[in-house]
Amino acid sequence: MSTPTRTLDRLTASFESIELERLVSRAGLLARTDRKYLLPTSALPELFARIDQSTRVLEMDQQRSFRYRSRYFDTPDRDSFYTSGRSRRG
């Protein structure tokens, strides 16, 4: 049986790793934008096939998959979710 973590580990195996300290030192002066998407595990192989092979995967203590919890607050109509991806005029 394949779990999402096993699938992710298998798909990231072909990418070189980068340690946290090196990632932080290289990314310190870069602008960062995070986007989060929900998609079915079955969509991952096609997505990973399109990722540039020069992409690095964060690896800590020989692990590339990490669990975390987060709580998302929004309106019942998901206003924050829908407006976060739209550009804003300053």
PDB file of N, CA and C in Angstrom:
ATOM      1  N   MET A   1       0.835  -1.176   0.000  1.00  0.00           N
ATOM      2  CA  MET A   1       0.000   0.000   0.000  1.00  0.00           C
ATOM      3  C   MET A   1       0.889   1.252   0.000  1.00  0.00           C
ATOM      4  N   SER A   2       0.586   2.173  -0.871  1.00  0.00           N
ATOM      5  CA  SER A   2       1.376   3.389  -0.980  1.00  0.00           C
ATOM      6  C   SER A   2       0.734   4.515  -0.180  1.00  0.00           C
ATOM      7  N   THR A   3       1.515   5.116   0.677  1.00  0.00           N
ATOM      8  CA  THR A   3       1.033   6.256   1.445  1.00  0.00           C
ATOM      9  C   THR A   3       1.521   7.530   0.757  1.00  0.00           C
ATOM     10  N   PRO A   4       0.913   8.678   1.043  1.00  0.00           N
ATOM     11  CA  PRO A   4       1.404   9.924   0.448  1.00  0.00           C
ATOM     12  C   PRO A   4       2.879  10.173   0.755  1.00  0.00           C
ATOM     13  N   THR A   5       3.340   9.836   1.962  1.00  0.00           N
ATOM     14  CA  THR A   5       4.743  10.044   2.320  1.00  0.00           C
ATOM     15  C   THR A   5       5.648   9.162   1.482  1.00  0.00           C
ATOM     16  N   ARG A   6       5.296   7.902   1.304  1.00  0.00           N
ATOM     17  CA  ARG A   6       6.117   7.002   0.474  1.00  0.00           C
ATOM     18  C   ARG A   6       6.142   7.474  -0.975  1.00  0.00           C
ATOM     19  N   THR A   7       5.005   7.925  -1.466  1.00  0.00           N
ATOM     20  CA  THR A   7       4.943   8.429  -2.833  1.00  0.00           C
ATOM     21  C   THR A   7       5.840   9.646  -2.987  1.00  0.00           C
ATOM     22  N   LEU A   8       5.774  10.562  -2.038  1.00  0.00           N
ATOM     23  CA  LEU A   8       6.609  11.753  -2.080  1.00  0.00           C
ATOM     24  C   LEU A   8       8.086  11.391  -1.992  1.00  0.00           C
ATOM     25  N   ASP A   9       8.439  10.480  -1.120  1.00  0.00           N
ATOM     26  CA  ASP A   9       9.837  10.041  -1.005  1.00  0.00           C
ATOM     27  C   ASP A   9      10.335   9.431  -2.317  1.00  0.00           C
ATOM     28  N   ARG A  10       9.518   8.634  -2.939  1.00  0.00           N
ATOM     29  CA  ARG A  10       9.902   8.007  -4.208  1.00  0.00           C
ATOM     30  C   ARG A  10      10.093   9.063  -5.294  1.00  0.00           C
ATOM     31  N   LEU A  11       9.201  10.045  -5.341  1.00  0.00           N
ATOM     32  CA  LEU A  11       9.266  11.069  -6.375  1.00  0.00           C
ATOM     33  C   LEU A  11      10.418  12.055  -6.171  1.00  0.00           C
ATOM     34  N   THR A  12      10.831  12.267  -4.940  1.00  0.00           N
ATOM     35  CA  THR A  12      11.941  13.197  -4.688  1.00  0.00           C
ATOM     36  C   THR A  12      13.301  12.514  -4.736  1.00  0.00           C
ATOM     37  N   ALA A  13      13.327  11.212  -4.843  1.00  0.00           N
ATOM     38  CA  ALA A  13      14.591  10.466  -4.816  1.00  0.00           C
ATOM     39  C   ALA A  13      15.539  10.869  -5.941  1.00  0.00           C
ATOM     40  N   SER A  14      15.039  11.297  -7.065  1.00  0.00           N
ATOM     41  CA  SER A  14      15.907  11.640  -8.190  1.00  0.00           C
ATOM     42  C   SER A  14      16.513  13.039  -8.076  1.00  0.00           C
ATOM     43  N   PHE A  15      16.052  13.840  -7.134  1.00  0.00           N
ATOM     44  CA  PHE A  15      16.569  15.191  -6.953  1.00  0.00           C
ATOM     45  C   PHE A  15      17.706  15.192  -5.937  1.00  0.00           C
ATOM     46  N   GLU A  16      18.704  16.039  -6.174  1.00  0.00           N
ATOM     47  CA  GLU A  16      19.775  16.187  -5.193  1.00  0.00           C
ATOM     48  C   GLU A  16      19.219  16.888  -3.962  1.00  0.00           C
ATOM     49  N   SER A  17      19.840  16.626  -2.829  1.00  0.00           N
ATOM     50  CA  SER A  17      19.371  17.233  -1.583  1.00  0.00           C
ATOM     51  C   SER A  17      20.135  18.512  -1.282  1.00  0.00           C
ATOM     52  N   ILE A  18      19.593  19.287  -0.355  1.00  0.00           N
ATOM     53  CA  ILE A  18      20.270  20.461   0.174  1.00  0.00           C
ATOM     54  C   ILE A  18      20.012  20.491   1.674  1.00  0.00           C
ATOM     55  N   GLU A  19      21.062  20.785   2.447  1.00  0.00           N
ATOM     56  CA  GLU A  19      20.912  20.846   3.903  1.00  0.00           C
ATOM     57  C   GLU A  19      20.325  22.191   4.294  1.00  0.00           C
ATOM     58  N   LEU A  20      19.658  22.226   5.437  1.00  0.00           N
ATOM     59  CA  LEU A  20      18.973  23.426   5.891  1.00  0.00           C
ATOM     60  C   LEU A  20      19.915  24.628   5.987  1.00  0.00           C
ATOM     61  N   GLU A  21      21.098  24.456   6.552  1.00  0.00           N
ATOM     62  CA  GLU A  21      22.036  25.565   6.707  1.00  0.00           C
ATOM     63  C   GLU A  21      22.418  26.164   5.355  1.00  0.00           C
ATOM     64  N   ARG A  22      22.652  25.314   4.390  1.00  0.00           N
ATOM     65  CA  ARG A  22      23.028  25.804   3.053  1.00  0.00           C
ATOM     66  C   ARG A  22      21.840  26.484   2.377  1.00  0.00           C
ATOM     67  N   LEU A  23      20.671  25.924   2.555  1.00  0.00           N
ATOM     68  CA  LEU A  23      19.468  26.534   1.988  1.00  0.00           C
ATOM     69  C   LEU A  23      19.266  27.925   2.555  1.00  0.00           C
ATOM     70  N   VAL A  24      19.386  28.071   3.864  1.00  0.00           N
ATOM     71  CA  VAL A  24      19.204  29.363   4.518  1.00  0.00           C
ATOM     72  C   VAL A  24      20.250  30.366   4.026  1.00  0.00           C
ATOM     73  N   SER A  25      21.502  29.933   3.900  1.00  0.00           N
ATOM     74  CA  SER A  25      22.553  30.854   3.457  1.00  0.00           C
ATOM     75  C   SER A  25      22.351  31.288   2.006  1.00  0.00           C
ATOM     76  N   ARG A  26      21.834  30.416   1.176  1.00  0.00           N
ATOM     77  CA  ARG A  26      21.614  30.755  -0.235  1.00  0.00           C
ATOM     78  C   ARG A  26      20.350  31.573  -0.435  1.00  0.00           C
ATOM     79  N   ALA A  27      19.353  31.352   0.399  1.00  0.00           N
ATOM     80  CA  ALA A  27      18.060  31.991   0.197  1.00  0.00           C
ATOM     81  C   ALA A  27      17.887  33.258   1.015  1.00  0.00           C
ATOM     82  N   GLY A  28      18.874  33.586   1.839  1.00  0.00           N
ATOM     83  CA  GLY A  28      18.738  34.721   2.745  1.00  0.00           C
ATOM     84  C   GLY A  28      18.370  36.031   2.082  1.00  0.00           C
ATOM     85  N   LEU A  29      18.877  36.301   0.902  1.00  0.00           N
ATOM     86  CA  LEU A  29      18.616  37.566   0.235  1.00  0.00           C
ATOM     87  C   LEU A  29      17.549  37.477  -0.854  1.00  0.00           C
ATOM     88  N   LEU A  30      16.961  36.337  -1.019  1.00  0.00           N
ATOM     89  CA  LEU A  30      15.941  36.161  -2.049  1.00  0.00           C
ATOM     90  C   LEU A  30      14.556  36.527  -1.532  1.00  0.00           C
ATOM     91  N   ALA A  31      13.723  37.039  -2.415  1.00  0.00           N
ATOM     92  CA  ALA A  31      12.318  37.267  -2.066  1.00  0.00           C
ATOM     93  C   ALA A  31      11.625  35.915  -2.102  1.00  0.00           C
ATOM     94  N   ARG A  32      10.759  35.686  -1.157  1.00  0.00           N
ATOM     95  CA  ARG A  32      10.111  34.384  -1.052  1.00  0.00           C
ATOM     96  C   ARG A  32       8.599  34.548  -1.145  1.00  0.00           C
ATOM     97  N   THR A  33       7.999  33.713  -1.955  1.00  0.00           N
ATOM     98  CA  THR A  33       6.546  33.665  -2.061  1.00  0.00           C
ATOM     99  C   THR A  33       6.130  32.226  -1.874  1.00  0.00           C
ATOM    100  N   ASP A  34       5.249  31.989  -0.945  1.00  0.00           N
ATOM    101  CA  ASP A  34       4.735  30.637  -0.712  1.00  0.00           C
ATOM    102  C   ASP A  34       3.319  30.529  -1.236  1.00  0.00           C
ATOM    103  N   ARG A  35       3.063  29.457  -1.897  1.00  0.00           N
ATOM    104  CA  ARG A  35       1.707  29.121  -2.324  1.00  0.00           C
ATOM    105  C   ARG A  35       1.471  27.685  -1.903  1.00  0.00           C
ATOM    106  N   LYS A  36       0.317  27.431  -1.422  1.00  0.00           N
ATOM    107  CA  LYS A  36      -0.029  26.078  -1.003  1.00  0.00           C
ATOM    108  C   LYS A  36      -1.243  25.623  -1.809  1.00  0.00           C
ATOM    109  N   TYR A  37      -1.166  24.403  -2.280  1.00  0.00           N
ATOM    110  CA  TYR A  37      -2.239  23.847  -3.092  1.00  0.00           C
ATOM    111  C   TYR A  37      -2.615  22.480  -2.556  1.00  0.00           C
ATOM    112  N   LEU A  38      -3.857  22.163  -2.661  1.00  0.00           N
ATOM    113  CA  LEU A  38      -4.329  20.824  -2.333  1.00  0.00           C
ATOM    114  C   LEU A  38      -4.555  20.088  -3.637  1.00  0.00           C
ATOM    115  N   LEU A  39      -3.998  18.889  -3.724  1.00  0.00           N
ATOM    116  CA  LEU A  39      -4.208  18.073  -4.899  1.00  0.00           C
ATOM    117  C   LEU A  39      -4.129  16.619  -4.494  1.00  0.00           C
ATOM    118  N   PRO A  40      -4.746  15.774  -5.272  1.00  0.00           N
ATOM    119  CA  PRO A  40      -4.714  14.342  -4.923  1.00  0.00           C
ATOM    120  C   PRO A  40      -3.317  13.764  -5.132  1.00  0.00           C
ATOM    121  N   THR A  41      -2.974  12.774  -4.331  1.00  0.00           N
ATOM    122  CA  THR A  41      -1.677  12.115  -4.442  1.00  0.00           C
ATOM    123  C   THR A  41      -1.460  11.578  -5.855  1.00  0.00           C
ATOM    124  N   SER A  42      -2.519  11.172  -6.496  1.00  0.00           N
ATOM    125  CA  SER A  42      -2.403  10.613  -7.849  1.00  0.00           C
ATOM    126  C   SER A  42      -1.890  11.639  -8.867  1.00  0.00           C
ATOM    127  N   ALA A  43      -1.974  12.937  -8.552  1.00  0.00           N
ATOM    128  CA  ALA A  43      -1.496  13.978  -9.466  1.00  0.00           C
ATOM    129  C   ALA A  43       0.001  14.241  -9.319  1.00  0.00           C
ATOM    130  N   LEU A  44       0.622  13.721  -8.261  1.00  0.00           N
ATOM    131  CA  LEU A  44       2.037  14.006  -8.000  1.00  0.00           C
ATOM    132  C   LEU A  44       3.006  13.526  -9.077  1.00  0.00           C
ATOM    133  N   PRO A  45       2.867  12.310  -9.616  1.00  0.00           N
ATOM    134  CA  PRO A  45       3.841  11.886 -10.640  1.00  0.00           C
ATOM    135  C   PRO A  45       3.917  12.837 -11.833  1.00  0.00           C
ATOM    136  N   GLU A  46       2.795  13.290 -12.328  1.00  0.00           N
ATOM    137  CA  GLU A  46       2.804  14.220 -13.469  1.00  0.00           C
ATOM    138  C   GLU A  46       3.422  15.559 -13.066  1.00  0.00           C
ATOM    139  N   LEU A  47       3.095  16.034 -11.882  1.00  0.00           N
ATOM    140  CA  LEU A  47       3.657  17.296 -11.404  1.00  0.00           C
ATOM    141  C   LEU A  47       5.178  17.204 -11.271  1.00  0.00           C
ATOM    142  N   PHE A  48       5.674  16.153 -10.643  1.00  0.00           N
ATOM    143  CA  PHE A  48       7.112  15.999 -10.440  1.00  0.00           C
ATOM    144  C   PHE A  48       7.858  15.772 -11.751  1.00  0.00           C
ATOM    145  N   ALA A  49       7.211  15.210 -12.733  1.00  0.00           N
ATOM    146  CA  ALA A  49       7.851  15.017 -14.039  1.00  0.00           C
ATOM    147  C   ALA A  49       8.147  16.353 -14.713  1.00  0.00           C
ATOM    148  N   ARG A  50       7.449  17.398 -14.322  1.00  0.00           N
ATOM    149  CA  ARG A  50       7.632  18.728 -14.919  1.00  0.00           C
ATOM    150  C   ARG A  50       8.625  19.609 -14.159  1.00  0.00           C
ATOM    151  N   ILE A  51       9.070  19.176 -12.993  1.00  0.00           N
ATOM    152  CA  ILE A  51       9.972  19.985 -12.183  1.00  0.00           C
ATOM    153  C   ILE A  51      11.386  19.887 -12.736  1.00  0.00           C
ATOM    154  N   ASP A  52      12.031  21.036 -12.860  1.00  0.00           N
ATOM    155  CA  ASP A  52      13.401  21.096 -13.360  1.00  0.00           C
ATOM    156  C   ASP A  52      14.301  20.217 -12.495  1.00  0.00           C
ATOM    157  N   GLN A  53      15.149  19.413 -13.130  1.00  0.00           N
ATOM    158  CA  GLN A  53      16.013  18.485 -12.393  1.00  0.00           C
ATOM    159  C   GLN A  53      17.095  19.185 -11.579  1.00  0.00           C
ATOM    160  N   SER A  54      17.270  20.495 -11.760  1.00  0.00           N
ATOM    161  CA  SER A  54      18.233  21.223 -10.924  1.00  0.00           C
ATOM    162  C   SER A  54      17.619  21.610  -9.575  1.00  0.00           C
ATOM    163  N   THR A  55      16.358  21.328  -9.390  1.00  0.00           N
ATOM    164  CA  THR A  55      15.678  21.604  -8.121  1.00  0.00           C
ATOM    165  C   THR A  55      16.290  20.755  -7.016  1.00  0.00           C
ATOM    166  N   ARG A  56      16.459  21.328  -5.846  1.00  0.00           N
ATOM    167  CA  ARG A  56      17.001  20.617  -4.686  1.00  0.00           C
ATOM    168  C   ARG A  56      15.889  20.362  -3.681  1.00  0.00           C
ATOM    169  N   VAL A  57      16.040  19.294  -2.926  1.00  0.00           N
ATOM    170  CA  VAL A  57      15.055  18.894  -1.925  1.00  0.00           C
ATOM    171  C   VAL A  57      15.684  19.029  -0.545  1.00  0.00           C
ATOM    172  N   LEU A  58      14.993  19.720   0.347  1.00  0.00           N
ATOM    173  CA  LEU A  58      15.494  19.869   1.700  1.00  0.00           C
ATOM    174  C   LEU A  58      15.572  18.499   2.364  1.00  0.00           C
ATOM    175  N   GLU A  59      16.732  18.219   2.941  1.00  0.00           N
ATOM    176  CA  GLU A  59      16.929  16.946   3.642  1.00  0.00           C
ATOM    177  C   GLU A  59      17.537  17.236   5.009  1.00  0.00           C
ATOM    178  N   MET A  60      16.876  16.738   6.052  1.00  0.00           N
ATOM    179  CA  MET A  60      17.363  16.891   7.427  1.00  0.00           C
ATOM    180  C   MET A  60      17.323  15.529   8.099  1.00  0.00           C
ATOM    181  N   ASP A  61      18.443  15.132   8.708  1.00  0.00           N
ATOM    182  CA  ASP A  61      18.544  13.831   9.375  1.00  0.00           C
ATOM    183  C   ASP A  61      18.090  12.699   8.463  1.00  0.00           C
ATOM    184  N   GLN A  62      18.512  12.766   7.206  1.00  0.00           N
ATOM    185  CA  GLN A  62      18.218  11.752   6.191  1.00  0.00           C
ATOM    186  C   GLN A  62      16.722  11.619   5.908  1.00  0.00           C
ATOM    187  N   GLN A  63      15.976  12.668   6.153  1.00  0.00           N
ATOM    188  CA  GLN A  63      14.546  12.674   5.845  1.00  0.00           C
ATOM    189  C   GLN A  63      14.236  13.792   4.870  1.00  0.00           C
ATOM    190  N   ARG A  64      13.311  13.508   3.957  1.00  0.00           N
ATOM    191  CA  ARG A  64      12.870  14.506   2.984  1.00  0.00           C
ATOM    192  C   ARG A  64      11.385  14.822   3.135  1.00  0.00           C
ATOM    193  N   SER A  65      10.701  14.074   3.948  1.00  0.00           N
ATOM    194  CA  SER A  65       9.272  14.311   4.191  1.00  0.00           C
ATOM    195  C   SER A  65       9.098  14.666   5.657  1.00  0.00           C
ATOM    196  N   PHE A  66       8.330  15.702   5.905  1.00  0.00           N
ATOM    197  CA  PHE A  66       8.128  16.173   7.269  1.00  0.00           C
ATOM    198  C   PHE A  66       6.654  16.460   7.492  1.00  0.00           C
ATOM    199  N   ARG A  67       6.205  16.155   8.671  1.00  0.00           N
ATOM    200  CA  ARG A  67       4.819  16.439   9.026  1.00  0.00           C
ATOM    201  C   ARG A  67       4.775  17.713   9.854  1.00  0.00           C
ATOM    202  N   TYR A  68       3.737  18.459   9.655  1.00  0.00           N
ATOM    203  CA  TYR A  68       3.494  19.611  10.510  1.00  0.00           C
ATOM    204  C   TYR A  68       1.997  19.872  10.538  1.00  0.00           C
ATOM    205  N   ARG A  69       1.583  20.572  11.536  1.00  0.00           N
ATOM    206  CA  ARG A  69       0.172  20.938  11.660  1.00  0.00           C
ATOM    207  C   ARG A  69       0.037  22.427  11.451  1.00  0.00           C
ATOM    208  N   SER A  70      -1.033  22.787  10.841  1.00  0.00           N
ATOM    209  CA  SER A  70      -1.302  24.200  10.682  1.00  0.00           C
ATOM    210  C   SER A  70      -2.810  24.399  10.768  1.00  0.00           C
ATOM    211  N   ARG A  71      -3.177  25.535  11.216  1.00  0.00           N
ATOM    212  CA  ARG A  71      -4.591  25.863  11.339  1.00  0.00           C
ATOM    213  C   ARG A  71      -4.856  27.060  10.447  1.00  0.00           C
ATOM    214  N   TYR A  72      -5.868  26.940   9.623  1.00  0.00           N
ATOM    215  CA  TYR A  72      -6.169  27.973   8.644  1.00  0.00           C
ATOM    216  C   TYR A  72      -7.479  28.638   9.031  1.00  0.00           C
ATOM    217  N   PHE A  73      -7.437  29.951   9.193  1.00  0.00           N
ATOM    218  CA  PHE A  73      -8.633  30.706   9.545  1.00  0.00           C
ATOM    219  C   PHE A  73      -9.099  31.496   8.331  1.00  0.00           C
ATOM    220  N   ASP A  74     -10.381  31.455   8.068  1.00  0.00           N
ATOM    221  CA  ASP A  74     -10.926  32.160   6.921  1.00  0.00           C
ATOM    222  C   ASP A  74     -12.413  32.390   7.156  1.00  0.00           C
ATOM    223  N   THR A  75     -13.025  33.080   6.232  1.00  0.00           N
ATOM    224  CA  THR A  75     -14.471  33.286   6.303  1.00  0.00           C
ATOM    225  C   THR A  75     -15.163  32.040   5.768  1.00  0.00           C
ATOM    226  N   PRO A  76     -16.463  31.883   6.024  1.00  0.00           N
ATOM    227  CA  PRO A  76     -17.175  30.723   5.463  1.00  0.00           C
ATOM    228  C   PRO A  76     -17.102  30.660   3.935  1.00  0.00           C
ATOM    229  N   ASP A  77     -16.954  31.819   3.280  1.00  0.00           N
ATOM    230  CA  ASP A  77     -16.850  31.847   1.815  1.00  0.00           C
ATOM    231  C   ASP A  77     -15.414  31.746   1.316  1.00  0.00           C
ATOM    232  N   ARG A  78     -14.476  31.521   2.235  1.00  0.00           N
ATOM    233  CA  ARG A  78     -13.048  31.387   1.909  1.00  0.00           C
ATOM    234  C   ARG A  78     -12.480  32.628   1.214  1.00  0.00           C
ATOM    235  N   ASP A  79     -12.880  33.785   1.706  1.00  0.00           N
ATOM    236  CA  ASP A  79     -12.420  35.041   1.108  1.00  0.00           C
ATOM    237  C   ASP A  79     -10.898  35.178   1.122  1.00  0.00           C
ATOM    238  N   SER A  80     -10.255  34.847   2.225  1.00  0.00           N
ATOM    239  CA  SER A  80      -8.790  34.963   2.291  1.00  0.00           C
ATOM    240  C   SER A  80      -8.116  34.045   1.287  1.00  0.00           C
ATOM    241  N   PHE A  81      -8.616  32.839   1.174  1.00  0.00           N
ATOM    242  CA  PHE A  81      -8.048  31.879   0.224  1.00  0.00           C
ATOM    243  C   PHE A  81      -8.135  32.414  -1.200  1.00  0.00           C
ATOM    244  N   TYR A  82      -9.326  32.885  -1.582  1.00  0.00           N
ATOM    245  CA  TYR A  82      -9.518  33.334  -2.967  1.00  0.00           C
ATOM    246  C   TYR A  82      -8.809  34.633  -3.283  1.00  0.00           C
ATOM    247  N   THR A  83      -8.657  35.531  -2.309  1.00  0.00           N
ATOM    248  CA  THR A  83      -7.994  36.806  -2.596  1.00  0.00           C
ATOM    249  C   THR A  83      -6.476  36.712  -2.474  1.00  0.00           C
ATOM    250  N   SER A  84      -5.941  35.711  -1.812  1.00  0.00           N
ATOM    251  CA  SER A  84      -4.492  35.636  -1.620  1.00  0.00           C
ATOM    252  C   SER A  84      -3.743  35.418  -2.931  1.00  0.00           C
ATOM    253  N   GLY A  85      -4.342  34.789  -3.896  1.00  0.00           N
ATOM    254  CA  GLY A  85      -3.671  34.529  -5.171  1.00  0.00           C
ATOM    255  C   GLY A  85      -3.851  35.626  -6.191  1.00  0.00           C
ATOM    256  N   ARG A  86      -4.639  36.617  -5.871  1.00  0.00           N
ATOM    257  CA  ARG A  86      -4.873  37.716  -6.814  1.00  0.00           C
ATOM    258  C   ARG A  86      -3.892  38.834  -6.536  1.00  0.00           C
ATOM    259  N   SER A  87      -3.427  39.470  -7.590  1.00  0.00           N
ATOM    260  CA  SER A  87      -2.498  40.583  -7.388  1.00  0.00           C
ATOM    261  C   SER A  87      -3.249  41.767  -6.799  1.00  0.00           C
ATOM    262  N   ARG A  88      -2.517  42.518  -5.994  1.00  0.00           N
ATOM    263  CA  ARG A  88      -3.090  43.693  -5.347  1.00  0.00           C
ATOM    264  C   ARG A  88      -2.406  44.933  -5.885  1.00  0.00           C
ATOM    265  N   ARG A  89      -3.162  45.949  -6.133  1.00  0.00           N
ATOM    266  CA  ARG A  89      -2.576  47.207  -6.574  1.00  0.00           C
ATOM    267  C   ARG A  89      -2.246  48.050  -5.358  1.00  0.00           C
ATOM    268  N   GLY A  90      -1.008  48.564  -5.329  1.00  0.00           N
ATOM    269  CA  GLY A  90      -0.545  49.327  -4.178  1.00  0.00           C
ATOM    270  C   GLY A  90      -0.789  50.793  -4.258  1.00  0.00           C
TER     271      GLY A  90
END
